[in-house]
Each structure stands twice: as structure tokens, then as C-alpha cells.
Amino acid sequence: MSTLATFRPSLVSWNLTKRCNLRCPHCYMEAGVKAEHELSTAECLSLIDEMAALGTEMLILTGGEPLLRKDIYDIASYASQRGIWVVMGTNGVLVNNLVA
């Protein structure tokens, strides 16, 4: 018997953006252009607080291409500071020597 009060989303896969620098024909999101009403940084951090309060253990930040968000490192760091293990689902094109 499960109720909302006892629900624990231990793993969350979060499509942070619809923006993408590739146009893969197999993309289930048909990613490319930023969605009209994507969440702000403050809204993302607030949701992370809710996830932490519910006991979320792992957060997969994906998209589109999450590295196209200027605040992606702030979002990932915040989740990590809240005790959530963060994984990033990226196409890897934007990863370079400057990203560590």
C-alpha cells in the first residue's frame, strides 16, 4: 500500500532542457531548440530540495544536452551538496580539457 506520503523517488532522470547541439534522428525528445518554459535556476534548486527531502539518492541530469545550460554546474553541485549522487547524460560533444 503506497501513498504520496510514503513515496520515495530514489532515482530521478530529469530532462533539464530541450536544447541540443545535435539533431539525432533517434532522439525521443526531438531535441534541438530550447522549450518555451524551461525552469529557471532557482526553480531547479527548489525541486532538488524537494527531491532531497523525499530521499532521492541519484539524479540523472539529461536533456536535450544539459551542458548547454549555463547553470548546469550550479545545479549539479547543489544536488551533490544535498547528498544526491549526480550523473550527467550528455552526448559528450561539449566535453573538453576545461571541463573537469
PDB file of N, CA and C in Angstrom:
ATOM      1  N   MET A   1       0.839  -1.169   0.000  1.00  0.00           N
ATOM      2  CA  MET A   1       0.000   0.000   0.000  1.00  0.00           C
ATOM      3  C   MET A   1       0.883   1.231   0.000  1.00  0.00           C
ATOM      4  N   SER A   2       0.805   2.040  -1.057  1.00  0.00           N
ATOM      5  CA  SER A   2       1.647   3.214  -1.186  1.00  0.00           C
ATOM      6  C   SER A   2       0.786   4.471  -1.247  1.00  0.00           C
ATOM      7  N   THR A   3       1.219   5.462  -0.537  1.00  0.00           N
ATOM      8  CA  THR A   3       0.557   6.760  -0.606  1.00  0.00           C
ATOM      9  C   THR A   3       1.595   7.793  -0.974  1.00  0.00           C
ATOM     10  N   LEU A   4       1.140   8.983  -1.314  1.00  0.00           N
ATOM     11  CA  LEU A   4       2.059  10.055  -1.659  1.00  0.00           C
ATOM     12  C   LEU A   4       3.003  10.339  -0.499  1.00  0.00           C
ATOM     13  N   ALA A   5       2.531  10.214   0.725  1.00  0.00           N
ATOM     14  CA  ALA A   5       3.353  10.485   1.900  1.00  0.00           C
ATOM     15  C   ALA A   5       4.498   9.488   2.044  1.00  0.00           C
ATOM     16  N   THR A   6       4.360   8.284   1.509  1.00  0.00           N
ATOM     17  CA  THR A   6       5.406   7.284   1.644  1.00  0.00           C
ATOM     18  C   THR A   6       6.203   7.088   0.360  1.00  0.00           C
ATOM     19  N   PHE A   7       5.874   7.808  -0.683  1.00  0.00           N
ATOM     20  CA  PHE A   7       6.578   7.682  -1.959  1.00  0.00           C
ATOM     21  C   PHE A   7       8.003   8.206  -1.832  1.00  0.00           C
ATOM     22  N   ARG A   8       8.965   7.421  -2.319  1.00  0.00           N
ATOM     23  CA  ARG A   8      10.371   7.811  -2.275  1.00  0.00           C
ATOM     24  C   ARG A   8      10.983   7.616  -3.651  1.00  0.00           C
ATOM     25  N   PRO A   9      11.163   8.716  -4.398  1.00  0.00           N
ATOM     26  CA  PRO A   9      11.779   8.598  -5.722  1.00  0.00           C
ATOM     27  C   PRO A   9      13.291   8.440  -5.588  1.00  0.00           C
ATOM     28  N   SER A  10      13.767   7.223  -5.447  1.00  0.00           N
ATOM     29  CA  SER A  10      15.195   7.016  -5.186  1.00  0.00           C
ATOM     30  C   SER A  10      16.068   7.417  -6.368  1.00  0.00           C
ATOM     31  N   LEU A  11      15.544   7.313  -7.588  1.00  0.00           N
ATOM     32  CA  LEU A  11      16.279   7.723  -8.777  1.00  0.00           C
ATOM     33  C   LEU A  11      15.385   8.617  -9.623  1.00  0.00           C
ATOM     34  N   VAL A  12      15.930   9.783 -10.015  1.00  0.00           N
ATOM     35  CA  VAL A  12      15.184  10.713 -10.868  1.00  0.00           C
ATOM     36  C   VAL A  12      16.023  10.990 -12.105  1.00  0.00           C
ATOM     37  N   SER A  13      15.441  10.793 -13.283  1.00  0.00           N
ATOM     38  CA  SER A  13      16.066  11.186 -14.540  1.00  0.00           C
ATOM     39  C   SER A  13      15.343  12.439 -15.008  1.00  0.00           C
ATOM     40  N   TRP A  14      16.073  13.542 -15.107  1.00  0.00           N
ATOM     41  CA  TRP A  14      15.470  14.857 -15.312  1.00  0.00           C
ATOM     42  C   TRP A  14      15.941  15.462 -16.630  1.00  0.00           C
ATOM     43  N   ASN A  15      15.026  15.635 -17.558  1.00  0.00           N
ATOM     44  CA  ASN A  15      15.323  16.316 -18.817  1.00  0.00           C
ATOM     45  C   ASN A  15      15.290  17.818 -18.549  1.00  0.00           C
ATOM     46  N   LEU A  16      16.455  18.393 -18.267  1.00  0.00           N
ATOM     47  CA  LEU A  16      16.560  19.797 -17.875  1.00  0.00           C
ATOM     48  C   LEU A  16      16.285  20.778 -19.006  1.00  0.00           C
ATOM     49  N   THR A  17      16.545  20.369 -20.207  1.00  0.00           N
ATOM     50  CA  THR A  17      16.387  21.263 -21.348  1.00  0.00           C
ATOM     51  C   THR A  17      16.033  20.458 -22.588  1.00  0.00           C
ATOM     52  N   LYS A  18      15.413  21.129 -23.512  1.00  0.00           N
ATOM     53  CA  LYS A  18      15.140  20.509 -24.811  1.00  0.00           C
ATOM     54  C   LYS A  18      16.199  20.942 -25.824  1.00  0.00           C
ATOM     55  N   ARG A  19      17.042  21.906 -25.434  1.00  0.00           N
ATOM     56  CA  ARG A  19      18.107  22.365 -26.331  1.00  0.00           C
ATOM     57  C   ARG A  19      19.105  21.248 -26.590  1.00  0.00           C
ATOM     58  N   CYS A  20      19.603  21.194 -27.821  1.00  0.00           N
ATOM     59  CA  CYS A  20      20.643  20.218 -28.154  1.00  0.00           C
ATOM     60  C   CYS A  20      21.451  20.731 -29.332  1.00  0.00           C
ATOM     61  N   ASN A  21      22.735  20.425 -29.323  1.00  0.00           N
ATOM     62  CA  ASN A  21      23.634  20.819 -30.401  1.00  0.00           C
ATOM     63  C   ASN A  21      23.707  19.764 -31.508  1.00  0.00           C
ATOM     64  N   LEU A  22      22.991  18.673 -31.358  1.00  0.00           N
ATOM     65  CA  LEU A  22      22.903  17.639 -32.389  1.00  0.00           C
ATOM     66  C   LEU A  22      21.441  17.457 -32.784  1.00  0.00           C
ATOM     67  N   ARG A  23      21.201  16.800 -33.877  1.00  0.00           N
ATOM     68  CA  ARG A  23      19.834  16.510 -34.336  1.00  0.00           C
ATOM     69  C   ARG A  23      19.745  15.028 -34.671  1.00  0.00           C
ATOM     70  N   CYS A  24      19.874  14.205 -33.659  1.00  0.00           N
ATOM     71  CA  CYS A  24      19.885  12.749 -33.853  1.00  0.00           C
ATOM     72  C   CYS A  24      18.495  12.264 -34.267  1.00  0.00           C
ATOM     73  N   PRO A  25      18.400  11.476 -35.326  1.00  0.00           N
ATOM     74  CA  PRO A  25      17.095  11.003 -35.787  1.00  0.00           C
ATOM     75  C   PRO A  25      16.388  10.090 -34.780  1.00  0.00           C
ATOM     76  N   HIS A  26      17.139   9.486 -33.865  1.00  0.00           N
ATOM     77  CA  HIS A  26      16.544   8.571 -32.891  1.00  0.00           C
ATOM     78  C   HIS A  26      16.122   9.276 -31.600  1.00  0.00           C
ATOM     79  N   CYS A  27      16.299  10.598 -31.500  1.00  0.00           N
ATOM     80  CA  CYS A  27      16.020  11.321 -30.262  1.00  0.00           C
ATOM     81  C   CYS A  27      14.539  11.253 -29.903  1.00  0.00           C
ATOM     82  N   TYR A  28      14.236  10.727 -28.718  1.00  0.00           N
ATOM     83  CA  TYR A  28      12.849  10.597 -28.279  1.00  0.00           C
ATOM     84  C   TYR A  28      12.237  11.940 -27.903  1.00  0.00           C
ATOM     85  N   MET A  29      13.066  12.973 -27.701  1.00  0.00           N
ATOM     86  CA  MET A  29      12.565  14.309 -27.346  1.00  0.00           C
ATOM     87  C   MET A  29      12.453  15.234 -28.547  1.00  0.00           C
ATOM     88  N   GLU A  30      12.976  14.791 -29.683  1.00  0.00           N
ATOM     89  CA  GLU A  30      13.092  15.675 -30.836  1.00  0.00           C
ATOM     90  C   GLU A  30      13.757  16.973 -30.395  1.00  0.00           C
ATOM     91  N   ALA A  31      14.860  16.829 -29.659  1.00  0.00           N
ATOM     92  CA  ALA A  31      15.573  17.962 -29.084  1.00  0.00           C
ATOM     93  C   ALA A  31      16.210  18.811 -30.165  1.00  0.00           C
ATOM     94  N   GLY A  32      16.452  20.043 -29.809  1.00  0.00           N
ATOM     95  CA  GLY A  32      17.086  20.997 -30.711  1.00  0.00           C
ATOM     96  C   GLY A  32      16.966  22.399 -30.155  1.00  0.00           C
ATOM     97  N   VAL A  33      15.759  22.917 -30.132  1.00  0.00           N
ATOM     98  CA  VAL A  33      15.505  24.286 -29.686  1.00  0.00           C
ATOM     99  C   VAL A  33      15.010  24.262 -28.235  1.00  0.00           C
ATOM    100  N   LYS A  34      15.444  25.256 -27.475  1.00  0.00           N
ATOM    101  CA  LYS A  34      15.020  25.383 -26.073  1.00  0.00           C
ATOM    102  C   LYS A  34      13.501  25.465 -25.998  1.00  0.00           C
ATOM    103  N   ALA A  35      12.935  24.760 -25.036  1.00  0.00           N
ATOM    104  CA  ALA A  35      11.489  24.808 -24.815  1.00  0.00           C
ATOM    105  C   ALA A  35      11.102  26.196 -24.301  1.00  0.00           C
ATOM    106  N   GLU A  36       9.885  26.573 -24.544  1.00  0.00           N
ATOM    107  CA  GLU A  36       9.425  27.919 -24.198  1.00  0.00           C
ATOM    108  C   GLU A  36       9.474  28.210 -22.700  1.00  0.00           C
ATOM    109  N   HIS A  37       9.141  27.240 -21.873  1.00  0.00           N
ATOM    110  CA  HIS A  37       9.035  27.486 -20.430  1.00  0.00           C
ATOM    111  C   HIS A  37       9.951  26.580 -19.620  1.00  0.00           C
ATOM    112  N   GLU A  38      11.237  26.572 -19.942  1.00  0.00           N
ATOM    113  CA  GLU A  38      12.165  25.781 -19.148  1.00  0.00           C
ATOM    114  C   GLU A  38      12.336  26.408 -17.768  1.00  0.00           C
ATOM    115  N   LEU A  39      12.631  25.563 -16.783  1.00  0.00           N
ATOM    116  CA  LEU A  39      12.757  26.035 -15.411  1.00  0.00           C
ATOM    117  C   LEU A  39      13.982  26.931 -15.230  1.00  0.00           C
ATOM    118  N   SER A  40      13.838  27.922 -14.360  1.00  0.00           N
ATOM    119  CA  SER A  40      14.952  28.793 -14.003  1.00  0.00           C
ATOM    120  C   SER A  40      15.882  28.046 -13.052  1.00  0.00           C
ATOM    121  N   THR A  41      17.039  28.619 -12.801  1.00  0.00           N
ATOM    122  CA  THR A  41      17.969  28.021 -11.848  1.00  0.00           C
ATOM    123  C   THR A  41      17.309  27.880 -10.480  1.00  0.00           C
ATOM    124  N   ALA A  42      16.670  28.940 -10.016  1.00  0.00           N
ATOM    125  CA  ALA A  42      16.019  28.922  -8.698  1.00  0.00           C
ATOM    126  C   ALA A  42      14.955  27.831  -8.623  1.00  0.00           C
ATOM    127  N   GLU A  43      14.189  27.654  -9.688  1.00  0.00           N
ATOM    128  CA  GLU A  43      13.164  26.609  -9.704  1.00  0.00           C
ATOM    129  C   GLU A  43      13.809  25.221  -9.660  1.00  0.00           C
ATOM    130  N   CYS A  44      14.922  25.047 -10.363  1.00  0.00           N
ATOM    131  CA  CYS A  44      15.635  23.763 -10.343  1.00  0.00           C
ATOM    132  C   CYS A  44      16.156  23.463  -8.946  1.00  0.00           C
ATOM    133  N   LEU A  45      16.747  24.450  -8.296  1.00  0.00           N
ATOM    134  CA  LEU A  45      17.296  24.238  -6.960  1.00  0.00           C
ATOM    135  C   LEU A  45      16.192  23.916  -5.963  1.00  0.00           C
ATOM    136  N   SER A  46      15.053  24.545  -6.117  1.00  0.00           N
ATOM    137  CA  SER A  46      13.907  24.265  -5.253  1.00  0.00           C
ATOM    138  C   SER A  46      13.432  22.820  -5.419  1.00  0.00           C
ATOM    139  N   LEU A  47      13.389  22.346  -6.656  1.00  0.00           N
ATOM    140  CA  LEU A  47      12.997  20.950  -6.899  1.00  0.00           C
ATOM    141  C   LEU A  47      14.012  19.980  -6.304  1.00  0.00           C
ATOM    142  N   ILE A  48      15.285  20.347  -6.359  1.00  0.00           N
ATOM    143  CA  ILE A  48      16.320  19.495  -5.752  1.00  0.00           C
ATOM    144  C   ILE A  48      16.103  19.415  -4.247  1.00  0.00           C
ATOM    145  N   ASP A  49      15.730  20.529  -3.624  1.00  0.00           N
ATOM    146  CA  ASP A  49      15.408  20.499  -2.192  1.00  0.00           C
ATOM    147  C   ASP A  49      14.273  19.520  -1.910  1.00  0.00           C
ATOM    148  N   GLU A  50      13.263  19.529  -2.767  1.00  0.00           N
ATOM    149  CA  GLU A  50      12.139  18.609  -2.601  1.00  0.00           C
ATOM    150  C   GLU A  50      12.589  17.162  -2.781  1.00  0.00           C
ATOM    151  N   MET A  51      13.437  16.913  -3.787  1.00  0.00           N
ATOM    152  CA  MET A  51      13.949  15.559  -4.007  1.00  0.00           C
ATOM    153  C   MET A  51      14.726  15.080  -2.794  1.00  0.00           C
ATOM    154  N   ALA A  52      15.593  15.943  -2.258  1.00  0.00           N
ATOM    155  CA  ALA A  52      16.393  15.575  -1.084  1.00  0.00           C
ATOM    156  C   ALA A  52      15.486  15.265   0.105  1.00  0.00           C
ATOM    157  N   ALA A  53      14.458  16.063   0.292  1.00  0.00           N
ATOM    158  CA  ALA A  53      13.525  15.849   1.403  1.00  0.00           C
ATOM    159  C   ALA A  53      12.785  14.521   1.256  1.00  0.00           C
ATOM    160  N   LEU A  54      12.561  14.096   0.010  1.00  0.00           N
ATOM    161  CA  LEU A  54      11.865  12.832  -0.241  1.00  0.00           C
ATOM    162  C   LEU A  54      12.796  11.623  -0.208  1.00  0.00           C
ATOM    163  N   GLY A  55      14.106  11.873  -0.125  1.00  0.00           N
ATOM    164  CA  GLY A  55      15.055  10.771  -0.040  1.00  0.00           C
ATOM    165  C   GLY A  55      15.646  10.331  -1.361  1.00  0.00           C
ATOM    166  N   THR A  56      15.604  11.176  -2.380  1.00  0.00           N
ATOM    167  CA  THR A  56      16.207  10.822  -3.665  1.00  0.00           C
ATOM    168  C   THR A  56      17.698  10.573  -3.474  1.00  0.00           C
ATOM    169  N   GLU A  57      18.177   9.461  -4.022  1.00  0.00           N
ATOM    170  CA  GLU A  57      19.584   9.083  -3.883  1.00  0.00           C
ATOM    171  C   GLU A  57      20.410   9.428  -5.110  1.00  0.00           C
ATOM    172  N   MET A  58      19.798   9.342  -6.304  1.00  0.00           N
ATOM    173  CA  MET A  58      20.526   9.586  -7.547  1.00  0.00           C
ATOM    174  C   MET A  58      19.704  10.477  -8.465  1.00  0.00           C
ATOM    175  N   LEU A  59      20.393  11.440  -9.080  1.00  0.00           N
ATOM    176  CA  LEU A  59      19.759  12.357 -10.019  1.00  0.00           C
ATOM    177  C   LEU A  59      20.530  12.320 -11.327  1.00  0.00           C
ATOM    178  N   ILE A  60      19.849  11.954 -12.402  1.00  0.00           N
ATOM    179  CA  ILE A  60      20.454  11.951 -13.730  1.00  0.00           C
ATOM    180  C   ILE A  60      20.013  13.233 -14.424  1.00  0.00           C
ATOM    181  N   LEU A  61      20.970  14.109 -14.705  1.00  0.00           N
ATOM    182  CA  LEU A  61      20.687  15.367 -15.400  1.00  0.00           C
ATOM    183  C   LEU A  61      20.927  15.140 -16.878  1.00  0.00           C
ATOM    184  N   THR A  62      19.878  15.284 -17.656  1.00  0.00           N
ATOM    185  CA  THR A  62      19.958  14.994 -19.077  1.00  0.00           C
ATOM    186  C   THR A  62      19.128  16.007 -19.842  1.00  0.00           C
ATOM    187  N   GLY A  63      18.829  15.732 -21.061  1.00  0.00           N
ATOM    188  CA  GLY A  63      18.067  16.672 -21.869  1.00  0.00           C
ATOM    189  C   GLY A  63      17.502  15.958 -23.074  1.00  0.00           C
ATOM    190  N   GLY A  64      17.561  16.697 -24.081  1.00  0.00           N
ATOM    191  CA  GLY A  64      18.481  17.570 -24.781  1.00  0.00           C
ATOM    192  C   GLY A  64      19.907  17.367 -24.261  1.00  0.00           C
ATOM    193  N   GLU A  65      20.651  18.432 -24.402  1.00  0.00           N
ATOM    194  CA  GLU A  65      22.054  18.448 -23.976  1.00  0.00           C
ATOM    195  C   GLU A  65      22.202  19.333 -22.751  1.00  0.00           C
ATOM    196  N   PRO A  66      22.363  18.729 -21.557  1.00  0.00           N
ATOM    197  CA  PRO A  66      22.422  19.515 -20.331  1.00  0.00           C
ATOM    198  C   PRO A  66      23.595  20.490 -20.278  1.00  0.00           C
ATOM    199  N   LEU A  67      24.692  20.200 -20.992  1.00  0.00           N
ATOM    200  CA  LEU A  67      25.842  21.103 -20.975  1.00  0.00           C
ATOM    201  C   LEU A  67      25.562  22.429 -21.686  1.00  0.00           C
ATOM    202  N   LEU A  68      24.435  22.543 -22.370  1.00  0.00           N
ATOM    203  CA  LEU A  68      24.068  23.815 -22.992  1.00  0.00           C
ATOM    204  C   LEU A  68      23.444  24.784 -21.992  1.00  0.00           C
ATOM    205  N   ARG A  69      23.091  24.303 -20.815  1.00  0.00           N
ATOM    206  CA  ARG A  69      22.585  25.199 -19.755  1.00  0.00           C
ATOM    207  C   ARG A  69      23.782  25.842 -19.067  1.00  0.00           C
ATOM    208  N   LYS A  70      23.799  27.156 -18.996  1.00  0.00           N
ATOM    209  CA  LYS A  70      24.892  27.873 -18.349  1.00  0.00           C
ATOM    210  C   LYS A  70      24.963  27.560 -16.855  1.00  0.00           C
ATOM    211  N   ASP A  71      23.854  27.140 -16.271  1.00  0.00           N
ATOM    212  CA  ASP A  71      23.800  26.870 -14.832  1.00  0.00           C
ATOM    213  C   ASP A  71      23.950  25.388 -14.486  1.00  0.00           C
ATOM    214  N   ILE A  72      24.357  24.559 -15.431  1.00  0.00           N
ATOM    215  CA  ILE A  72      24.381  23.117 -15.200  1.00  0.00           C
ATOM    216  C   ILE A  72      25.297  22.728 -14.044  1.00  0.00           C
ATOM    217  N   TYR A  73      26.438  23.401 -13.922  1.00  0.00           N
ATOM    218  CA  TYR A  73      27.360  23.060 -12.839  1.00  0.00           C
ATOM    219  C   TYR A  73      26.807  23.515 -11.487  1.00  0.00           C
ATOM    220  N   ASP A  74      26.088  24.622 -11.467  1.00  0.00           N
ATOM    221  CA  ASP A  74      25.431  25.071 -10.231  1.00  0.00           C
ATOM    222  C   ASP A  74      24.372  24.062  -9.793  1.00  0.00           C
ATOM    223  N   ILE A  75      23.597  23.589 -10.749  1.00  0.00           N
ATOM    224  CA  ILE A  75      22.536  22.615 -10.455  1.00  0.00           C
ATOM    225  C   ILE A  75      23.142  21.304  -9.968  1.00  0.00           C
ATOM    226  N   ALA A  76      24.151  20.815 -10.677  1.00  0.00           N
ATOM    227  CA  ALA A  76      24.794  19.551 -10.300  1.00  0.00           C
ATOM    228  C   ALA A  76      25.470  19.667  -8.938  1.00  0.00           C
ATOM    229  N   SER A  77      26.185  20.759  -8.703  1.00  0.00           N
ATOM    230  CA  SER A  77      26.864  20.955  -7.415  1.00  0.00           C
ATOM    231  C   SER A  77      25.870  21.030  -6.273  1.00  0.00           C
ATOM    232  N   TYR A  78      24.773  21.733  -6.491  1.00  0.00           N
ATOM    233  CA  TYR A  78      23.769  21.877  -5.447  1.00  0.00           C
ATOM    234  C   TYR A  78      23.189  20.522  -5.060  1.00  0.00           C
ATOM    235  N   ALA A  79      22.862  19.723  -6.051  1.00  0.00           N
ATOM    236  CA  ALA A  79      22.318  18.392  -5.768  1.00  0.00           C
ATOM    237  C   ALA A  79      23.338  17.551  -5.002  1.00  0.00           C
ATOM    238  N   SER A  80      24.588  17.634  -5.399  1.00  0.00           N
ATOM    239  CA  SER A  80      25.641  16.889  -4.724  1.00  0.00           C
ATOM    240  C   SER A  80      25.783  17.348  -3.267  1.00  0.00           C
ATOM    241  N   GLN A  81      25.737  18.644  -3.052  1.00  0.00           N
ATOM    242  CA  GLN A  81      25.818  19.187  -1.690  1.00  0.00           C
ATOM    243  C   GLN A  81      24.640  18.736  -0.824  1.00  0.00           C
ATOM    244  N   ARG A  82      23.518  18.454  -1.457  1.00  0.00           N
ATOM    245  CA  ARG A  82      22.335  17.994  -0.730  1.00  0.00           C
ATOM    246  C   ARG A  82      22.374  16.477  -0.502  1.00  0.00           C
ATOM    247  N   GLY A  83      23.486  15.838  -0.885  1.00  0.00           N
ATOM    248  CA  GLY A  83      23.661  14.415  -0.624  1.00  0.00           C
ATOM    249  C   GLY A  83      23.121  13.506  -1.709  1.00  0.00           C
ATOM    250  N   ILE A  84      22.867  14.065  -2.884  1.00  0.00           N
ATOM    251  CA  ILE A  84      22.347  13.271  -4.007  1.00  0.00           C
ATOM    252  C   ILE A  84      23.500  12.962  -4.956  1.00  0.00           C
ATOM    253  N   TRP A  85      23.596  11.700  -5.366  1.00  0.00           N
ATOM    254  CA  TRP A  85      24.610  11.295  -6.330  1.00  0.00           C
ATOM    255  C   TRP A  85      24.157  11.787  -7.706  1.00  0.00           C
ATOM    256  N   VAL A  86      25.003  12.559  -8.385  1.00  0.00           N
ATOM    257  CA  VAL A  86      24.634  13.186  -9.655  1.00  0.00           C
ATOM    258  C   VAL A  86      25.344  12.503 -10.812  1.00  0.00           C
ATOM    259  N   VAL A  87      24.571  12.189 -11.844  1.00  0.00           N
ATOM    260  CA  VAL A  87      25.071  11.620 -13.083  1.00  0.00           C
ATOM    261  C   VAL A  87      24.592  12.535 -14.200  1.00  0.00           C
ATOM    262  N   MET A  88      25.442  12.765 -15.213  1.00  0.00           N
ATOM    263  CA  MET A  88      25.030  13.613 -16.314  1.00  0.00           C
ATOM    264  C   MET A  88      24.959  12.804 -17.600  1.00  0.00           C
ATOM    265  N   GLY A  89      23.807  12.864 -18.245  1.00  0.00           N
ATOM    266  CA  GLY A  89      23.623  12.211 -19.534  1.00  0.00           C
ATOM    267  C   GLY A  89      23.876  13.236 -20.628  1.00  0.00           C
ATOM    268  N   THR A  90      25.014  13.143 -21.282  1.00  0.00           N
ATOM    269  CA  THR A  90      25.419  14.113 -22.293  1.00  0.00           C
ATOM    270  C   THR A  90      25.854  13.392 -23.558  1.00  0.00           C
ATOM    271  N   ASN A  91      25.786  14.081 -24.685  1.00  0.00           N
ATOM    272  CA  ASN A  91      26.285  13.483 -25.920  1.00  0.00           C
ATOM    273  C   ASN A  91      27.808  13.566 -25.989  1.00  0.00           C
ATOM    274  N   GLY A  92      28.422  14.328 -25.084  1.00  0.00           N
ATOM    275  CA  GLY A  92      29.874  14.387 -24.966  1.00  0.00           C
ATOM    276  C   GLY A  92      30.569  15.359 -25.890  1.00  0.00           C
ATOM    277  N   VAL A  93      29.865  15.932 -26.848  1.00  0.00           N
ATOM    278  CA  VAL A  93      30.481  16.824 -27.817  1.00  0.00           C
ATOM    279  C   VAL A  93      31.099  18.059 -27.149  1.00  0.00           C
ATOM    280  N   LEU A  94      30.496  18.560 -26.092  1.00  0.00           N
ATOM    281  CA  LEU A  94      30.966  19.790 -25.449  1.00  0.00           C
ATOM    282  C   LEU A  94      31.978  19.540 -24.335  1.00  0.00           C
ATOM    283  N   VAL A  95      32.317  18.284 -24.079  1.00  0.00           N
ATOM    284  CA  VAL A  95      33.307  17.969 -23.051  1.00  0.00           C
ATOM    285  C   VAL A  95      34.692  18.230 -23.639  1.00  0.00           C
ATOM    286  N   ASN A  96      35.508  18.975 -22.895  1.00  0.00           N
ATOM    287  CA  ASN A  96      36.867  19.288 -23.354  1.00  0.00           C
ATOM    288  C   ASN A  96      37.793  19.367 -22.154  1.00  0.00           C
ATOM    289  N   ASN A  97      39.025  19.801 -22.361  1.00  0.00           N
ATOM    290  CA  ASN A  97      40.025  19.873 -21.293  1.00  0.00           C
ATOM    291  C   ASN A  97      39.615  20.838 -20.183  1.00  0.00           C
ATOM    292  N   LEU A  98      38.783  21.808 -20.478  1.00  0.00           N
ATOM    293  CA  LEU A  98      38.391  22.805 -19.489  1.00  0.00           C
ATOM    294  C   LEU A  98      37.358  22.265 -18.519  1.00  0.00           C
ATOM    295  N   VAL A  99      36.692  21.172 -18.882  1.00  0.00           N
ATOM    296  CA  VAL A  99      35.675  20.580 -18.017  1.00  0.00           C
ATOM    297  C   VAL A  99      36.373  19.505 -17.189  1.00  0.00           C
ATOM    298  N   ALA A 100      36.330  19.665 -15.891  1.00  0.00           N
ATOM    299  CA  ALA A 100      36.989  18.664 -15.043  1.00  0.00           C
ATOM    300  C   ALA A 100      36.061  18.236 -13.937  1.00  0.00           C
TER     301      ALA A 100
END
